[in-house]
């Protein structure tokens, strides 16, 4: 009896501590799983929004290409149809067809030549909106096909002459949900009326105890859409069951080695789970650091799996965003290359003719020299933009920044003086770096022309050159309005611009060139409380 009483006296506290520890670990795991569902739902929702937004941007940008004007002559040379076919093929399974119709809904050009001259019938309109100033129409989903339409505007009459209609393959959304449906997680996309628009292949109507509804915060007017997630209970709590077995083993060990070991053993379970839970809650914060590996093997495996998943999601998001922007840049460059090279050739030929004039002044000859050199540089730039996804490596040569900056300032004095802008240079001594001269000219011209274009009449721009033991430093400062703090983080992103009519590629190209030269560029407030861009480039090795 005394032995039994002793065992009970030792068993009851150990059992109580073990049960409490198991409950805490089970609660932490269930909370982590729900957070995992929410994180997965948010990532899938952002991916769906990004896919739809890119499709709308594709249709908008294609409709504004010069080749779309061929529909006014019935696309007699089939250039437009060939362009549509090549565009659709370049996107693999993203699009079922891309068609251009006239105002009577007759197909003028198509990625499928057999559809030309047929009448295009469309489902009822789902919703319409404006992307910047471009009207966009999205028709109701039908047979896993989503039609996106926008008018094509005549460059002559500035009136609609037809519509560009891209039929998006909705199976892409199903595949996206299937890809995310792992470890017995079921996903579905629902509209504002809770009607399912797409679902993973393992989707069931059963409502599991672990579920989440994540609203999509879209850049498009698709209000009320949400991602629904379910997870089978048995699979979700399997780690808890394994922990239960582990706790039973620990209970036996506690009885053998004494009650003193209960508290540290319990902490070895709960502390890593609490750290992992804190990491999950702070996942979206910029300074969130993954917890250290500790605790049992199951908890460490869970920690490693979730940390890797979070890193993969962030990396995939950045790569998809960059790839989408580079793809748009490549499309624009390919479409614009012929249109830009033709006027550049005319400008170069005209400058050569004017140089032969005997009565031309010295200033005129200097200006014509600038025109010839800059047309050559722009022609090289157009060629580089065509291969935007594979930037040209810089051809580095020793370059005296003091002389180079003086040349650039002299070249831009006339456009600055046209707006009564004071453009000054502070460069007290020669500074030698190894750089591509054309690319450095492009960087400086982009930064200075941005300042000239955004400044009001009578503004000030100061270009300053200095150096330390390792780097050359260039500061481009102005007394303009500057950049609001909320927009400073997007300055070097492609297609971000503050200037009306701007494309938003200048600063993105500048950053790309500076980084290719192993340098850095950042934004700060100028002494005039305007904008200031700070460039640092390594000095040439002796």
Protein backbone atom coordinates (compact mmCIF):
# COMPACT_ATOMS: atom_id res chain seq x y z
CA UNK A 1 0.00 0.00 0.00
CA UNK A 2 2.82 2.37 0.84
CA UNK A 3 4.43 1.63 -2.54
CA UNK A 4 1.15 2.25 -4.33
CA UNK A 5 0.61 5.47 -2.39
CA UNK A 6 4.13 6.61 -3.25
CA UNK A 7 3.59 5.83 -6.92
CA UNK A 8 0.27 7.68 -6.91
CA UNK A 9 1.88 10.64 -5.12
CA UNK A 10 4.52 10.77 -7.82
CA UNK A 11 2.15 9.91 -10.69
CA UNK A 12 -0.64 12.45 -10.10
CA UNK A 13 1.54 15.63 -10.22
CA UNK A 14 3.53 14.26 -13.16
CA UNK A 15 0.34 13.31 -14.96
CA UNK A 16 -1.17 16.74 -14.31
CA UNK A 17 1.94 18.52 -15.57
CA UNK A 18 2.11 16.24 -18.61
CA UNK A 19 -1.56 16.79 -19.46
CA UNK A 20 -1.21 20.58 -19.11
CA UNK A 21 1.94 20.56 -21.24
CA UNK A 22 0.27 18.37 -23.87
CA UNK A 23 -2.76 20.68 -23.96
CA UNK A 24 -0.56 23.74 -24.37
CA UNK A 25 1.40 22.10 -27.18
CA UNK A 26 -1.83 20.92 -28.84
CA UNK A 27 -3.32 24.42 -28.63
CA UNK A 28 -0.16 25.96 -30.04
CA UNK A 29 -0.09 23.49 -32.93
CA UNK A 30 -3.77 24.01 -33.77
CA UNK A 31 -3.22 27.77 -33.70
CA UNK A 32 -0.16 27.39 -35.91
CA UNK A 33 -2.12 25.23 -38.38
CA UNK A 34 -4.90 27.85 -38.56
CA UNK A 35 -2.30 30.54 -39.12
CA UNK A 36 -0.78 28.33 -41.80
CA UNK A 37 -4.18 28.09 -43.50
CA UNK A 38 -4.58 31.87 -43.34
CA UNK A 39 -1.05 32.44 -44.68
CA UNK A 40 -1.63 29.95 -47.51
CA UNK A 41 -5.00 31.56 -48.30
CA UNK A 42 -3.47 35.05 -48.41
CA UNK A 43 -0.63 33.85 -50.66
CA UNK A 44 -3.06 32.07 -53.03
CA UNK A 45 -5.39 35.11 -53.07
CA UNK A 46 -2.48 37.41 -53.91
CA UNK A 47 -1.35 35.02 -56.64
CA UNK A 48 -4.87 34.89 -58.18
CA UNK A 49 -5.12 38.69 -58.05
CA UNK A 50 -1.67 39.00 -59.62
CA UNK A 51 -2.60 36.60 -62.46
CA UNK A 52 -5.86 38.46 -63.24
CA UNK A 53 -4.17 41.86 -62.95
CA UNK A 54 -1.44 40.79 -65.37
CA UNK A 55 -4.03 39.57 -67.88
CA UNK A 56 -5.85 42.94 -67.71
CA UNK A 57 -2.53 44.77 -68.11
CA UNK A 58 -1.69 42.58 -71.13
CA UNK A 59 -4.96 43.44 -72.86
CA UNK A 60 -4.59 47.15 -72.08
CA UNK A 61 -0.99 47.37 -73.34
CA UNK A 62 -1.67 45.29 -76.49
CA UNK A 63 -4.64 47.49 -77.45
CA UNK A 64 -2.37 50.55 -77.50
CA UNK A 65 0.24 49.09 -79.87
CA UNK A 66 0.62 50.70 -83.28
CA UNK A 67 0.04 47.36 -85.01
CA UNK A 68 -3.60 47.43 -83.81
CA UNK A 69 -4.24 50.20 -86.35
CA UNK A 70 -3.99 47.53 -89.11
CA UNK A 71 -7.60 46.59 -88.39
CA UNK A 72 -8.67 49.81 -90.14
CA UNK A 73 -7.53 48.25 -93.43
CA UNK A 74 -8.94 44.83 -92.59
CA UNK A 75 -5.51 43.42 -91.67
CA UNK A 76 -4.93 42.72 -95.36
CA UNK A 77 -1.29 41.71 -94.85
CA UNK A 78 -2.18 39.53 -91.82
CA UNK A 79 0.47 41.27 -89.70
CA UNK A 80 -1.96 41.72 -86.84
CA UNK A 81 -3.12 38.09 -86.91
CA UNK A 82 0.48 36.86 -86.93
CA UNK A 83 1.25 39.14 -83.99
CA UNK A 84 -1.78 37.81 -82.06
CA UNK A 85 -0.83 34.19 -82.80
CA UNK A 86 2.80 34.70 -81.69
CA UNK A 87 1.64 36.54 -78.56
CA UNK A 88 -0.79 33.77 -77.59
CA UNK A 89 1.86 31.09 -78.20
CA UNK A 90 4.37 32.96 -76.03
CA UNK A 91 2.00 32.68 -73.07
CA UNK A 92 1.64 28.88 -73.41
CA UNK A 93 -1.71 27.86 -71.90
CA UNK A 94 -2.59 31.26 -70.40
CA UNK A 95 -4.83 32.30 -73.31
CA UNK A 96 -7.27 30.25 -75.38
CA UNK A 97 -7.51 32.90 -78.09
CA UNK A 98 -6.83 36.60 -78.74
CA UNK A 99 -9.18 38.31 -81.19
CA UNK A 100 -9.68 41.77 -82.67
CA UNK A 101 -13.26 42.57 -83.71
CA UNK A 102 -14.78 45.54 -85.46
CA UNK A 103 -17.71 47.56 -84.14
CA UNK A 104 -20.13 44.96 -85.57
CA UNK A 105 -18.45 42.15 -83.54
CA UNK A 106 -16.98 40.59 -86.69
CA UNK A 107 -13.50 39.11 -86.16
CA UNK A 108 -10.93 41.08 -88.18
CA UNK A 109 -7.78 39.42 -86.82
CA UNK A 110 -7.27 36.43 -84.54
CA UNK A 111 -4.64 34.16 -83.04
CA UNK A 112 -6.70 31.39 -84.72
CA UNK A 113 -6.89 32.30 -88.44
CA UNK A 114 -9.95 30.07 -88.96
CA UNK A 115 -12.01 32.45 -86.79
CA UNK A 116 -11.44 35.48 -89.06
CA UNK A 117 -14.69 36.92 -90.53
CA UNK A 118 -16.79 34.99 -87.99
CA UNK A 119 -19.05 36.83 -85.59
CA UNK A 120 -17.82 36.74 -82.00
CA UNK A 121 -20.50 36.03 -79.43
CA UNK A 122 -19.75 36.96 -75.86
CA UNK A 123 -21.35 36.03 -72.51
CA UNK A 124 -23.14 38.67 -70.42
CA UNK A 125 -20.97 41.41 -68.98
CA UNK A 126 -19.73 40.62 -65.48
CA UNK A 127 -18.30 44.03 -64.64
CA UNK A 128 -16.61 47.03 -66.25
CA UNK A 129 -14.04 49.48 -64.97
CA UNK A 130 -11.27 51.82 -66.08
CA UNK A 131 -7.58 50.86 -65.88
CA UNK A 132 -6.05 54.34 -65.67
CA UNK A 133 -8.05 55.91 -68.54
CA UNK A 134 -8.60 52.70 -70.54
CA UNK A 135 -12.12 51.17 -70.31
CA UNK A 136 -11.99 47.44 -69.52
CA UNK A 137 -14.83 44.89 -69.67
CA UNK A 138 -14.82 41.41 -68.15
CA UNK A 139 -17.53 38.97 -69.22
CA UNK A 140 -19.06 36.28 -67.05
CA UNK A 141 -17.09 33.07 -66.62
CA UNK A 142 -18.35 30.42 -69.05
CA UNK A 143 -16.93 26.95 -69.83
CA UNK A 144 -13.74 27.80 -67.88
CA UNK A 145 -13.15 30.77 -70.17
CA UNK A 146 -12.89 34.40 -69.05
CA UNK A 147 -13.16 37.03 -71.79
CA UNK A 148 -11.41 40.39 -71.22
CA UNK A 149 -12.21 43.22 -73.64
CA UNK A 150 -11.02 46.78 -74.27
CA UNK A 151 -11.62 49.20 -77.16
CA UNK A 152 -8.99 49.91 -79.81
CA UNK A 153 -8.75 53.66 -80.43
CA UNK A 154 -7.91 55.12 -83.83
CA UNK A 155 -4.79 57.28 -83.85
CA UNK A 156 -6.48 59.54 -86.44
CA UNK A 157 -10.05 60.03 -85.21
CA UNK A 158 -9.36 59.16 -81.54
CA UNK A 159 -12.59 57.13 -81.65
CA UNK A 160 -13.08 53.39 -81.05
CA UNK A 161 -12.61 51.33 -84.22
CA UNK A 162 -13.10 47.93 -82.63
CA UNK A 163 -12.24 45.83 -79.60
CA UNK A 164 -9.37 43.59 -78.51
CA UNK A 165 -10.75 40.50 -76.74
CA UNK A 166 -8.48 38.03 -74.94
CA UNK A 167 -10.00 34.74 -73.74
CA UNK A 168 -8.18 33.71 -70.57
CA UNK A 169 -7.94 29.99 -69.77
CA UNK A 170 -9.62 29.64 -66.35
CA UNK A 171 -7.96 26.23 -65.97
CA UNK A 172 -4.88 28.22 -64.91
CA UNK A 173 -6.75 29.18 -61.71
CA UNK A 174 -7.75 25.52 -61.14
CA UNK A 175 -4.10 24.49 -61.55
CA UNK A 176 -3.01 27.22 -59.13
CA UNK A 177 -5.43 25.90 -56.49
CA UNK A 178 -4.34 22.30 -57.14
CA UNK A 179 -0.70 23.31 -56.72
CA UNK A 180 -1.46 24.93 -53.35
CA UNK A 181 -3.67 22.00 -52.19
CA UNK A 182 -1.05 19.96 -50.34
CA UNK A 183 -1.07 17.92 -47.13
CA UNK A 184 -4.85 17.31 -47.33
CA UNK A 185 -5.63 21.02 -47.66
CA UNK A 186 -8.63 21.79 -49.88
CA UNK A 187 -8.99 25.17 -51.61
CA UNK A 188 -11.73 26.94 -53.54
CA UNK A 189 -12.32 30.41 -54.99
CA UNK A 190 -15.77 31.94 -54.34
CA UNK A 191 -17.42 35.15 -55.54
CA UNK A 192 -19.37 37.69 -53.52
CA UNK A 193 -22.46 35.40 -53.58
CA UNK A 194 -20.43 32.44 -52.22
CA UNK A 195 -20.70 30.68 -55.60
CA UNK A 196 -17.59 28.63 -56.36
CA UNK A 197 -15.58 29.95 -59.32
CA UNK A 198 -12.78 27.39 -59.08
CA UNK A 199 -11.68 24.64 -56.70
CA UNK A 200 -8.88 22.16 -56.20
CA UNK A 201 -9.45 18.61 -57.41
CA UNK A 202 -9.75 17.32 -53.82
CA UNK A 203 -12.41 19.88 -52.83
CA UNK A 204 -15.41 18.53 -50.93
CA UNK A 205 -18.47 20.23 -49.51
CA UNK A 206 -17.76 18.86 -46.02
CA UNK A 207 -17.02 21.61 -43.52
CA UNK A 208 -14.01 20.46 -41.52
CA UNK A 209 -13.22 21.72 -38.02
CA UNK A 210 -10.15 23.49 -39.42
CA UNK A 211 -11.14 25.98 -42.09
CA UNK A 212 -10.54 29.58 -43.15
CA UNK A 213 -12.12 32.16 -45.45
CA UNK A 214 -9.57 34.71 -46.73
CA UNK A 215 -10.94 37.79 -48.53
CA UNK A 216 -8.99 38.82 -51.65
CA UNK A 217 -7.72 42.40 -51.45
CA UNK A 218 -7.65 42.95 -55.21
CA UNK A 219 -6.32 45.77 -57.37
CA UNK A 220 -9.28 45.01 -59.65
CA UNK A 221 -12.96 45.69 -58.77
CA UNK A 222 -13.67 42.06 -57.79
CA UNK A 223 -15.25 42.85 -54.46
CA UNK A 224 -16.27 40.09 -52.08
CA UNK A 225 -14.12 37.31 -53.59
CA UNK A 226 -12.53 34.97 -51.11
CA UNK A 227 -10.33 31.89 -50.89
CA UNK A 228 -11.89 29.08 -48.85
CA UNK A 229 -9.62 26.49 -47.19
CA UNK A 230 -10.46 23.23 -45.42
CA UNK A 231 -8.08 20.76 -43.79
CA UNK A 232 -8.92 17.21 -42.73
CA UNK A 233 -8.98 17.00 -38.96
CA UNK A 234 -7.15 13.67 -38.70
CA UNK A 235 -4.26 14.89 -40.80
CA UNK A 236 -4.14 18.25 -39.04
CA UNK A 237 -3.86 16.80 -35.55
CA UNK A 238 -1.44 14.00 -36.48
CA UNK A 239 1.51 15.99 -35.04
CA UNK A 240 -0.49 16.39 -31.83
CA UNK A 241 -0.99 12.62 -31.65
CA UNK A 242 2.73 12.10 -32.09
CA UNK A 243 3.34 14.60 -29.34
CA UNK A 244 0.91 12.67 -27.15
CA UNK A 245 2.97 9.52 -27.51
CA UNK A 246 6.09 11.52 -26.75
CA UNK A 247 4.46 12.92 -23.60
CA UNK A 248 3.53 9.44 -22.40
CA UNK A 249 7.15 8.38 -22.76
CA UNK A 250 8.21 11.49 -20.90
CA UNK A 251 5.75 10.66 -18.11
CA UNK A 252 7.46 7.31 -17.58
CA UNK A 253 10.82 9.03 -17.55
CA UNK A 254 9.53 11.52 -14.98
CA UNK A 255 8.47 8.67 -12.71
CA UNK A 256 11.92 7.10 -13.05
CA UNK A 257 14.15 10.13 -12.72
CA UNK A 258 11.95 12.22 -10.34
CA UNK A 259 9.52 15.07 -10.55
CA UNK A 260 12.28 17.68 -10.83
CA UNK A 261 12.70 16.89 -14.55
CA UNK A 262 9.07 17.69 -15.41
CA UNK A 263 9.41 21.46 -15.68
CA UNK A 264 12.49 21.63 -17.99
CA UNK A 265 11.12 18.85 -20.18
CA UNK A 266 7.82 20.70 -20.55
CA UNK A 267 9.63 23.88 -21.46
CA UNK A 268 11.61 22.01 -24.10
CA UNK A 269 8.27 21.40 -25.84
CA UNK A 270 6.40 24.62 -25.29
CA UNK A 271 9.15 27.19 -25.77
CA UNK A 272 10.02 26.34 -29.41
CA UNK A 273 6.31 26.17 -30.25
CA UNK A 274 5.72 29.59 -28.67
CA UNK A 275 8.69 31.01 -30.60
CA UNK A 276 7.34 29.50 -33.81
CA UNK A 277 3.91 30.96 -33.07
CA UNK A 278 5.40 34.40 -32.48
CA UNK A 279 7.29 34.09 -35.76
CA UNK A 280 4.05 33.19 -37.56
CA UNK A 281 2.28 36.26 -36.15
CA UNK A 282 5.17 38.52 -37.20
CA UNK A 283 5.71 36.85 -40.59
CA UNK A 284 4.66 39.94 -42.57
CA UNK A 285 6.90 42.30 -40.60
CA UNK A 286 10.16 43.26 -42.36
CA UNK A 287 12.39 42.34 -39.39
CA UNK A 288 10.76 38.98 -38.59
CA UNK A 289 13.50 36.42 -37.83
CA UNK A 290 12.85 32.64 -37.81
CA UNK A 291 13.20 30.98 -34.40
CA UNK A 292 16.23 28.88 -33.55
CA UNK A 293 15.94 25.12 -33.93
CA UNK A 294 15.18 23.55 -30.57
CA UNK A 295 12.91 21.01 -28.96
CA UNK A 296 11.95 17.54 -30.22
CA UNK A 297 12.60 16.37 -33.78
CA UNK A 298 8.94 16.80 -34.75
CA UNK A 299 8.89 20.44 -33.65
CA UNK A 300 12.21 21.11 -35.40
CA UNK A 301 10.88 19.51 -38.59
CA UNK A 302 7.75 21.67 -38.34
CA UNK A 303 9.92 24.74 -37.73
CA UNK A 304 12.13 23.97 -40.73
CA UNK A 305 9.18 23.17 -43.00
CA UNK A 306 7.29 26.35 -42.16
CA UNK A 307 10.39 28.57 -42.34
CA UNK A 308 11.25 27.11 -45.75
CA UNK A 309 7.67 27.55 -46.95
CA UNK A 310 7.64 31.22 -45.87
CA UNK A 311 10.98 31.85 -47.60
CA UNK A 312 9.80 30.06 -50.77
CA UNK A 313 6.56 32.07 -50.86
CA UNK A 314 8.42 35.37 -50.50
CA UNK A 315 10.99 34.39 -53.12
CA UNK A 316 8.30 33.20 -55.55
CA UNK A 317 6.34 36.42 -55.10
CA UNK A 318 9.39 38.57 -55.85
CA UNK A 319 10.39 36.44 -58.84
CA UNK A 320 6.86 36.44 -60.30
CA UNK A 321 6.54 40.21 -59.90
CA UNK A 322 9.95 40.84 -61.48
CA UNK A 323 9.31 38.33 -64.29
CA UNK A 324 5.93 39.92 -65.07
CA UNK A 325 7.41 43.41 -65.22
CA UNK A 326 10.36 42.28 -67.35
CA UNK A 327 7.96 40.48 -69.68
CA UNK A 328 5.95 43.66 -70.15
CA UNK A 329 9.18 45.62 -70.75
CA UNK A 330 10.25 43.08 -73.36
CA UNK A 331 6.87 43.25 -75.12
CA UNK A 332 6.91 47.03 -75.15
CA UNK A 333 10.51 47.17 -76.39
CA UNK A 334 9.83 44.69 -79.18
CA UNK A 335 6.73 46.59 -80.27
CA UNK A 336 8.41 50.01 -80.10
CA UNK A 337 11.81 49.16 -81.58
CA UNK A 338 10.80 49.77 -85.21
CA UNK A 339 8.79 52.88 -84.35
CA UNK A 340 11.75 54.43 -82.48
CA UNK A 341 14.54 53.48 -84.84
CA UNK A 342 12.84 55.06 -87.87
CA UNK A 343 12.68 58.65 -86.47
CA UNK A 344 16.18 58.22 -85.01
CA UNK A 345 17.49 57.40 -88.48
CA UNK A 346 15.73 60.45 -89.91
CA UNK A 347 17.19 62.68 -87.18
CA UNK A 348 20.70 61.32 -87.81
CA UNK A 349 20.43 61.80 -91.58
CA UNK A 350 19.05 65.32 -91.14
CA UNK A 351 21.92 66.25 -88.80
CA UNK A 352 24.49 64.92 -91.29
CA UNK A 353 22.92 67.06 -94.05
CA UNK A 354 22.92 70.19 -91.86
CA UNK A 355 26.60 69.69 -90.98
CA UNK A 356 27.46 70.20 -94.65
CA UNK A 357 26.00 73.75 -94.55
CA UNK A 358 28.87 76.22 -94.96
CA UNK A 359 27.18 79.07 -93.03
CA UNK A 360 26.42 76.97 -89.93
CA UNK A 361 27.58 78.60 -86.67
CA UNK A 362 29.92 76.94 -84.17
CA UNK A 363 27.04 76.60 -81.67
CA UNK A 364 24.97 74.94 -84.36
CA UNK A 365 27.74 72.49 -85.16
CA UNK A 366 28.09 71.68 -81.46
CA UNK A 367 24.34 71.04 -81.13
CA UNK A 368 24.36 68.84 -84.26
CA UNK A 369 27.26 66.92 -82.76
CA UNK A 370 25.15 66.31 -79.65
CA UNK A 371 22.24 65.17 -81.83
CA UNK A 372 24.40 62.68 -83.73
CA UNK A 373 26.04 61.24 -80.60
CA UNK A 374 22.74 61.00 -78.73
CA UNK A 375 20.89 59.36 -81.63
CA UNK A 376 23.63 56.75 -81.74
CA UNK A 377 23.31 56.20 -77.99
CA UNK A 378 19.50 55.98 -78.20
CA UNK A 379 19.76 53.47 -81.02
CA UNK A 380 21.96 51.32 -78.77
CA UNK A 381 19.46 51.78 -75.94
CA UNK A 382 16.57 50.54 -78.10
CA UNK A 383 18.59 47.45 -78.96
CA UNK A 384 19.28 46.86 -75.28
CA UNK A 385 15.62 47.22 -74.31
CA UNK A 386 14.60 44.50 -76.76
CA UNK A 387 16.49 42.05 -74.57
CA UNK A 388 15.36 43.62 -71.27
CA UNK A 389 15.16 40.29 -69.50
CA UNK A 390 18.87 39.76 -70.25
CA UNK A 391 20.58 43.13 -69.64
CA UNK A 392 23.77 43.89 -71.53
CA UNK A 393 26.93 43.52 -69.44
CA UNK A 394 28.81 46.81 -69.13
CA UNK A 395 31.92 47.31 -71.27
CA UNK A 396 34.08 48.81 -68.54
CA UNK A 397 36.90 51.20 -69.40
CA UNK A 398 38.71 53.80 -67.27
CA UNK A 399 36.42 56.85 -67.12
CA UNK A 400 37.18 60.32 -65.67
CA UNK A 401 33.92 61.25 -63.95
CA UNK A 402 34.88 64.93 -63.73
CA UNK A 403 35.22 65.25 -67.50
CA UNK A 404 32.22 63.02 -68.14
CA UNK A 405 29.96 65.04 -65.83
CA UNK A 406 31.07 68.26 -67.52
CA UNK A 407 30.11 66.76 -70.90
CA UNK A 408 26.67 65.68 -69.66
CA UNK A 409 25.98 69.06 -68.02
CA UNK A 410 26.97 70.89 -71.22
CA UNK A 411 24.71 68.61 -73.21
CA UNK A 412 21.68 69.35 -70.99
CA UNK A 413 22.18 73.09 -70.52
CA UNK A 414 19.87 74.00 -73.38
CA UNK A 415 16.80 72.05 -72.14
CA UNK A 416 17.51 73.43 -68.64
CA UNK A 417 17.79 77.01 -69.90
CA UNK A 418 14.52 76.58 -71.81
CA UNK A 419 12.80 76.36 -68.41
CA UNK A 420 15.14 78.91 -66.76
CA UNK A 421 16.53 76.13 -64.56
CA UNK A 422 19.99 76.63 -63.07
CA UNK A 423 22.09 73.48 -63.64
CA UNK A 424 25.42 73.55 -61.75
CA UNK A 425 28.29 71.09 -61.29
CA UNK A 426 30.63 70.79 -58.30
CA UNK A 427 33.58 68.57 -59.26
CA UNK A 428 36.86 69.84 -57.82
CA UNK A 429 39.18 67.03 -58.91
CA UNK A 430 39.39 64.12 -61.36
CA UNK A 431 37.84 60.86 -60.17
CA UNK A 432 38.61 57.70 -62.18
CA UNK A 433 36.31 54.68 -62.21
CA UNK A 434 35.96 51.66 -64.48
CA UNK A 435 32.58 51.93 -66.21
CA UNK A 436 30.66 51.70 -69.47
CA UNK A 437 30.66 55.28 -70.80
CA UNK A 438 27.35 54.96 -72.67
CA UNK A 439 25.60 53.42 -69.67
CA UNK A 440 26.96 56.13 -67.34
CA UNK A 441 25.66 58.76 -69.78
CA UNK A 442 22.28 57.04 -69.73
CA UNK A 443 22.21 57.05 -65.91
CA UNK A 444 23.08 60.75 -65.60
CA UNK A 445 20.80 61.87 -68.44
CA UNK A 446 17.87 59.93 -66.93
CA UNK A 447 18.35 61.49 -63.48
CA UNK A 448 18.91 65.05 -64.78
CA UNK A 449 16.08 64.93 -67.34
CA UNK A 450 13.72 63.63 -64.67
CA UNK A 451 14.62 66.65 -62.53
CA UNK A 452 14.32 69.10 -65.47
CA UNK A 453 10.92 67.74 -66.46
CA UNK A 454 9.46 67.73 -62.95
CA UNK A 455 10.82 71.11 -61.77
CA UNK A 456 8.84 74.32 -62.31
CA UNK A 457 10.40 77.22 -64.21
CA UNK A 458 13.27 78.88 -62.33
CA UNK A 459 14.29 75.77 -60.36
CA UNK A 460 17.75 74.62 -59.32
CA UNK A 461 19.65 71.39 -59.99
CA UNK A 462 23.04 70.64 -58.47
CA UNK A 463 25.34 67.81 -59.57
CA UNK A 464 28.10 67.08 -57.03
CA UNK A 465 31.10 64.73 -57.36
CA UNK A 466 33.26 63.54 -54.46
CA UNK A 467 35.32 60.49 -53.54
CA UNK A 468 36.72 58.60 -50.58
CA UNK A 469 39.33 55.87 -50.36
CA UNK A 470 37.16 53.25 -52.07
CA UNK A 471 34.23 54.83 -53.90
CA UNK A 472 33.20 57.75 -56.06
CA UNK A 473 30.03 59.53 -54.91
CA UNK A 474 27.64 61.44 -57.19
CA UNK A 475 24.71 63.43 -55.78
CA UNK A 476 21.91 64.80 -58.02
CA UNK A 477 19.84 67.28 -55.97
CA UNK A 478 17.00 69.66 -56.88
CA UNK A 479 14.62 72.08 -55.14
CA UNK A 480 11.45 70.48 -56.51
CA UNK A 481 8.54 68.90 -54.63
CA UNK A 482 10.47 65.73 -53.78
CA UNK A 483 8.91 62.29 -53.37
CA UNK A 484 6.31 61.55 -50.64
CA UNK A 485 7.54 59.01 -48.05
CA UNK A 486 4.81 56.54 -49.00
CA UNK A 487 6.14 56.38 -52.58
CA UNK A 488 9.89 56.32 -51.89
CA UNK A 489 9.96 52.53 -51.54
CA UNK A 490 8.60 52.13 -55.10
CA UNK A 491 10.91 54.63 -56.86
CA UNK A 492 13.09 52.02 -58.55
CA UNK A 493 10.27 49.65 -59.55
CA UNK A 494 9.44 49.26 -63.22
CA UNK A 495 6.42 51.31 -64.42
CA UNK A 496 6.31 53.50 -61.30
CA UNK A 497 6.29 57.20 -62.24
CA UNK A 498 5.26 60.55 -60.75
CA UNK A 499 5.25 62.37 -64.07
CA UNK A 500 2.18 62.47 -66.30
CA UNK A 501 2.94 60.63 -69.52
CA UNK A 502 6.00 58.93 -68.03
CA UNK A 503 6.63 55.23 -68.67
CA UNK A 504 8.32 54.54 -65.33
CA UNK A 505 11.33 52.63 -66.67
CA UNK A 506 14.02 55.31 -66.21
CA UNK A 507 14.88 54.78 -62.55
CA UNK A 508 14.50 50.99 -62.87
CA UNK A 509 17.08 51.02 -65.69
CA UNK A 510 19.33 53.37 -63.67
CA UNK A 511 19.30 50.99 -60.69
CA UNK A 512 20.00 48.02 -62.97
CA UNK A 513 23.00 49.76 -64.54
CA UNK A 514 24.44 50.94 -61.20
CA UNK A 515 24.13 47.46 -59.69
CA UNK A 516 25.81 45.97 -62.79
CA UNK A 517 28.74 48.30 -61.99
CA UNK A 518 28.84 46.95 -58.38
CA UNK A 519 27.49 50.28 -57.14
CA UNK A 520 24.52 51.48 -55.10
CA UNK A 521 21.83 54.13 -55.52
CA UNK A 522 19.39 55.51 -52.96
CA UNK A 523 17.02 58.41 -52.44
CA UNK A 524 17.21 61.15 -49.79
CA UNK A 525 15.93 64.68 -49.21
CA UNK A 526 18.07 67.41 -50.75
CA UNK A 527 19.29 70.47 -48.76
CA UNK A 528 16.51 72.40 -50.57
CA UNK A 529 13.95 69.86 -49.25
CA UNK A 530 13.57 68.49 -52.76
CA UNK A 531 14.73 65.18 -54.24
CA UNK A 532 18.30 63.89 -54.12
CA UNK A 533 19.68 60.69 -55.66
CA UNK A 534 22.98 59.41 -54.23
CA UNK A 535 25.18 57.14 -56.36
CA UNK A 536 28.26 55.26 -55.15
CA UNK A 537 30.62 53.49 -57.59
CA UNK A 538 33.91 51.68 -56.82
CA UNK A 539 37.07 53.51 -57.87
CA UNK A 540 39.28 52.09 -60.59
CA UNK A 541 41.98 49.75 -59.29
CA UNK A 542 45.52 51.01 -59.77
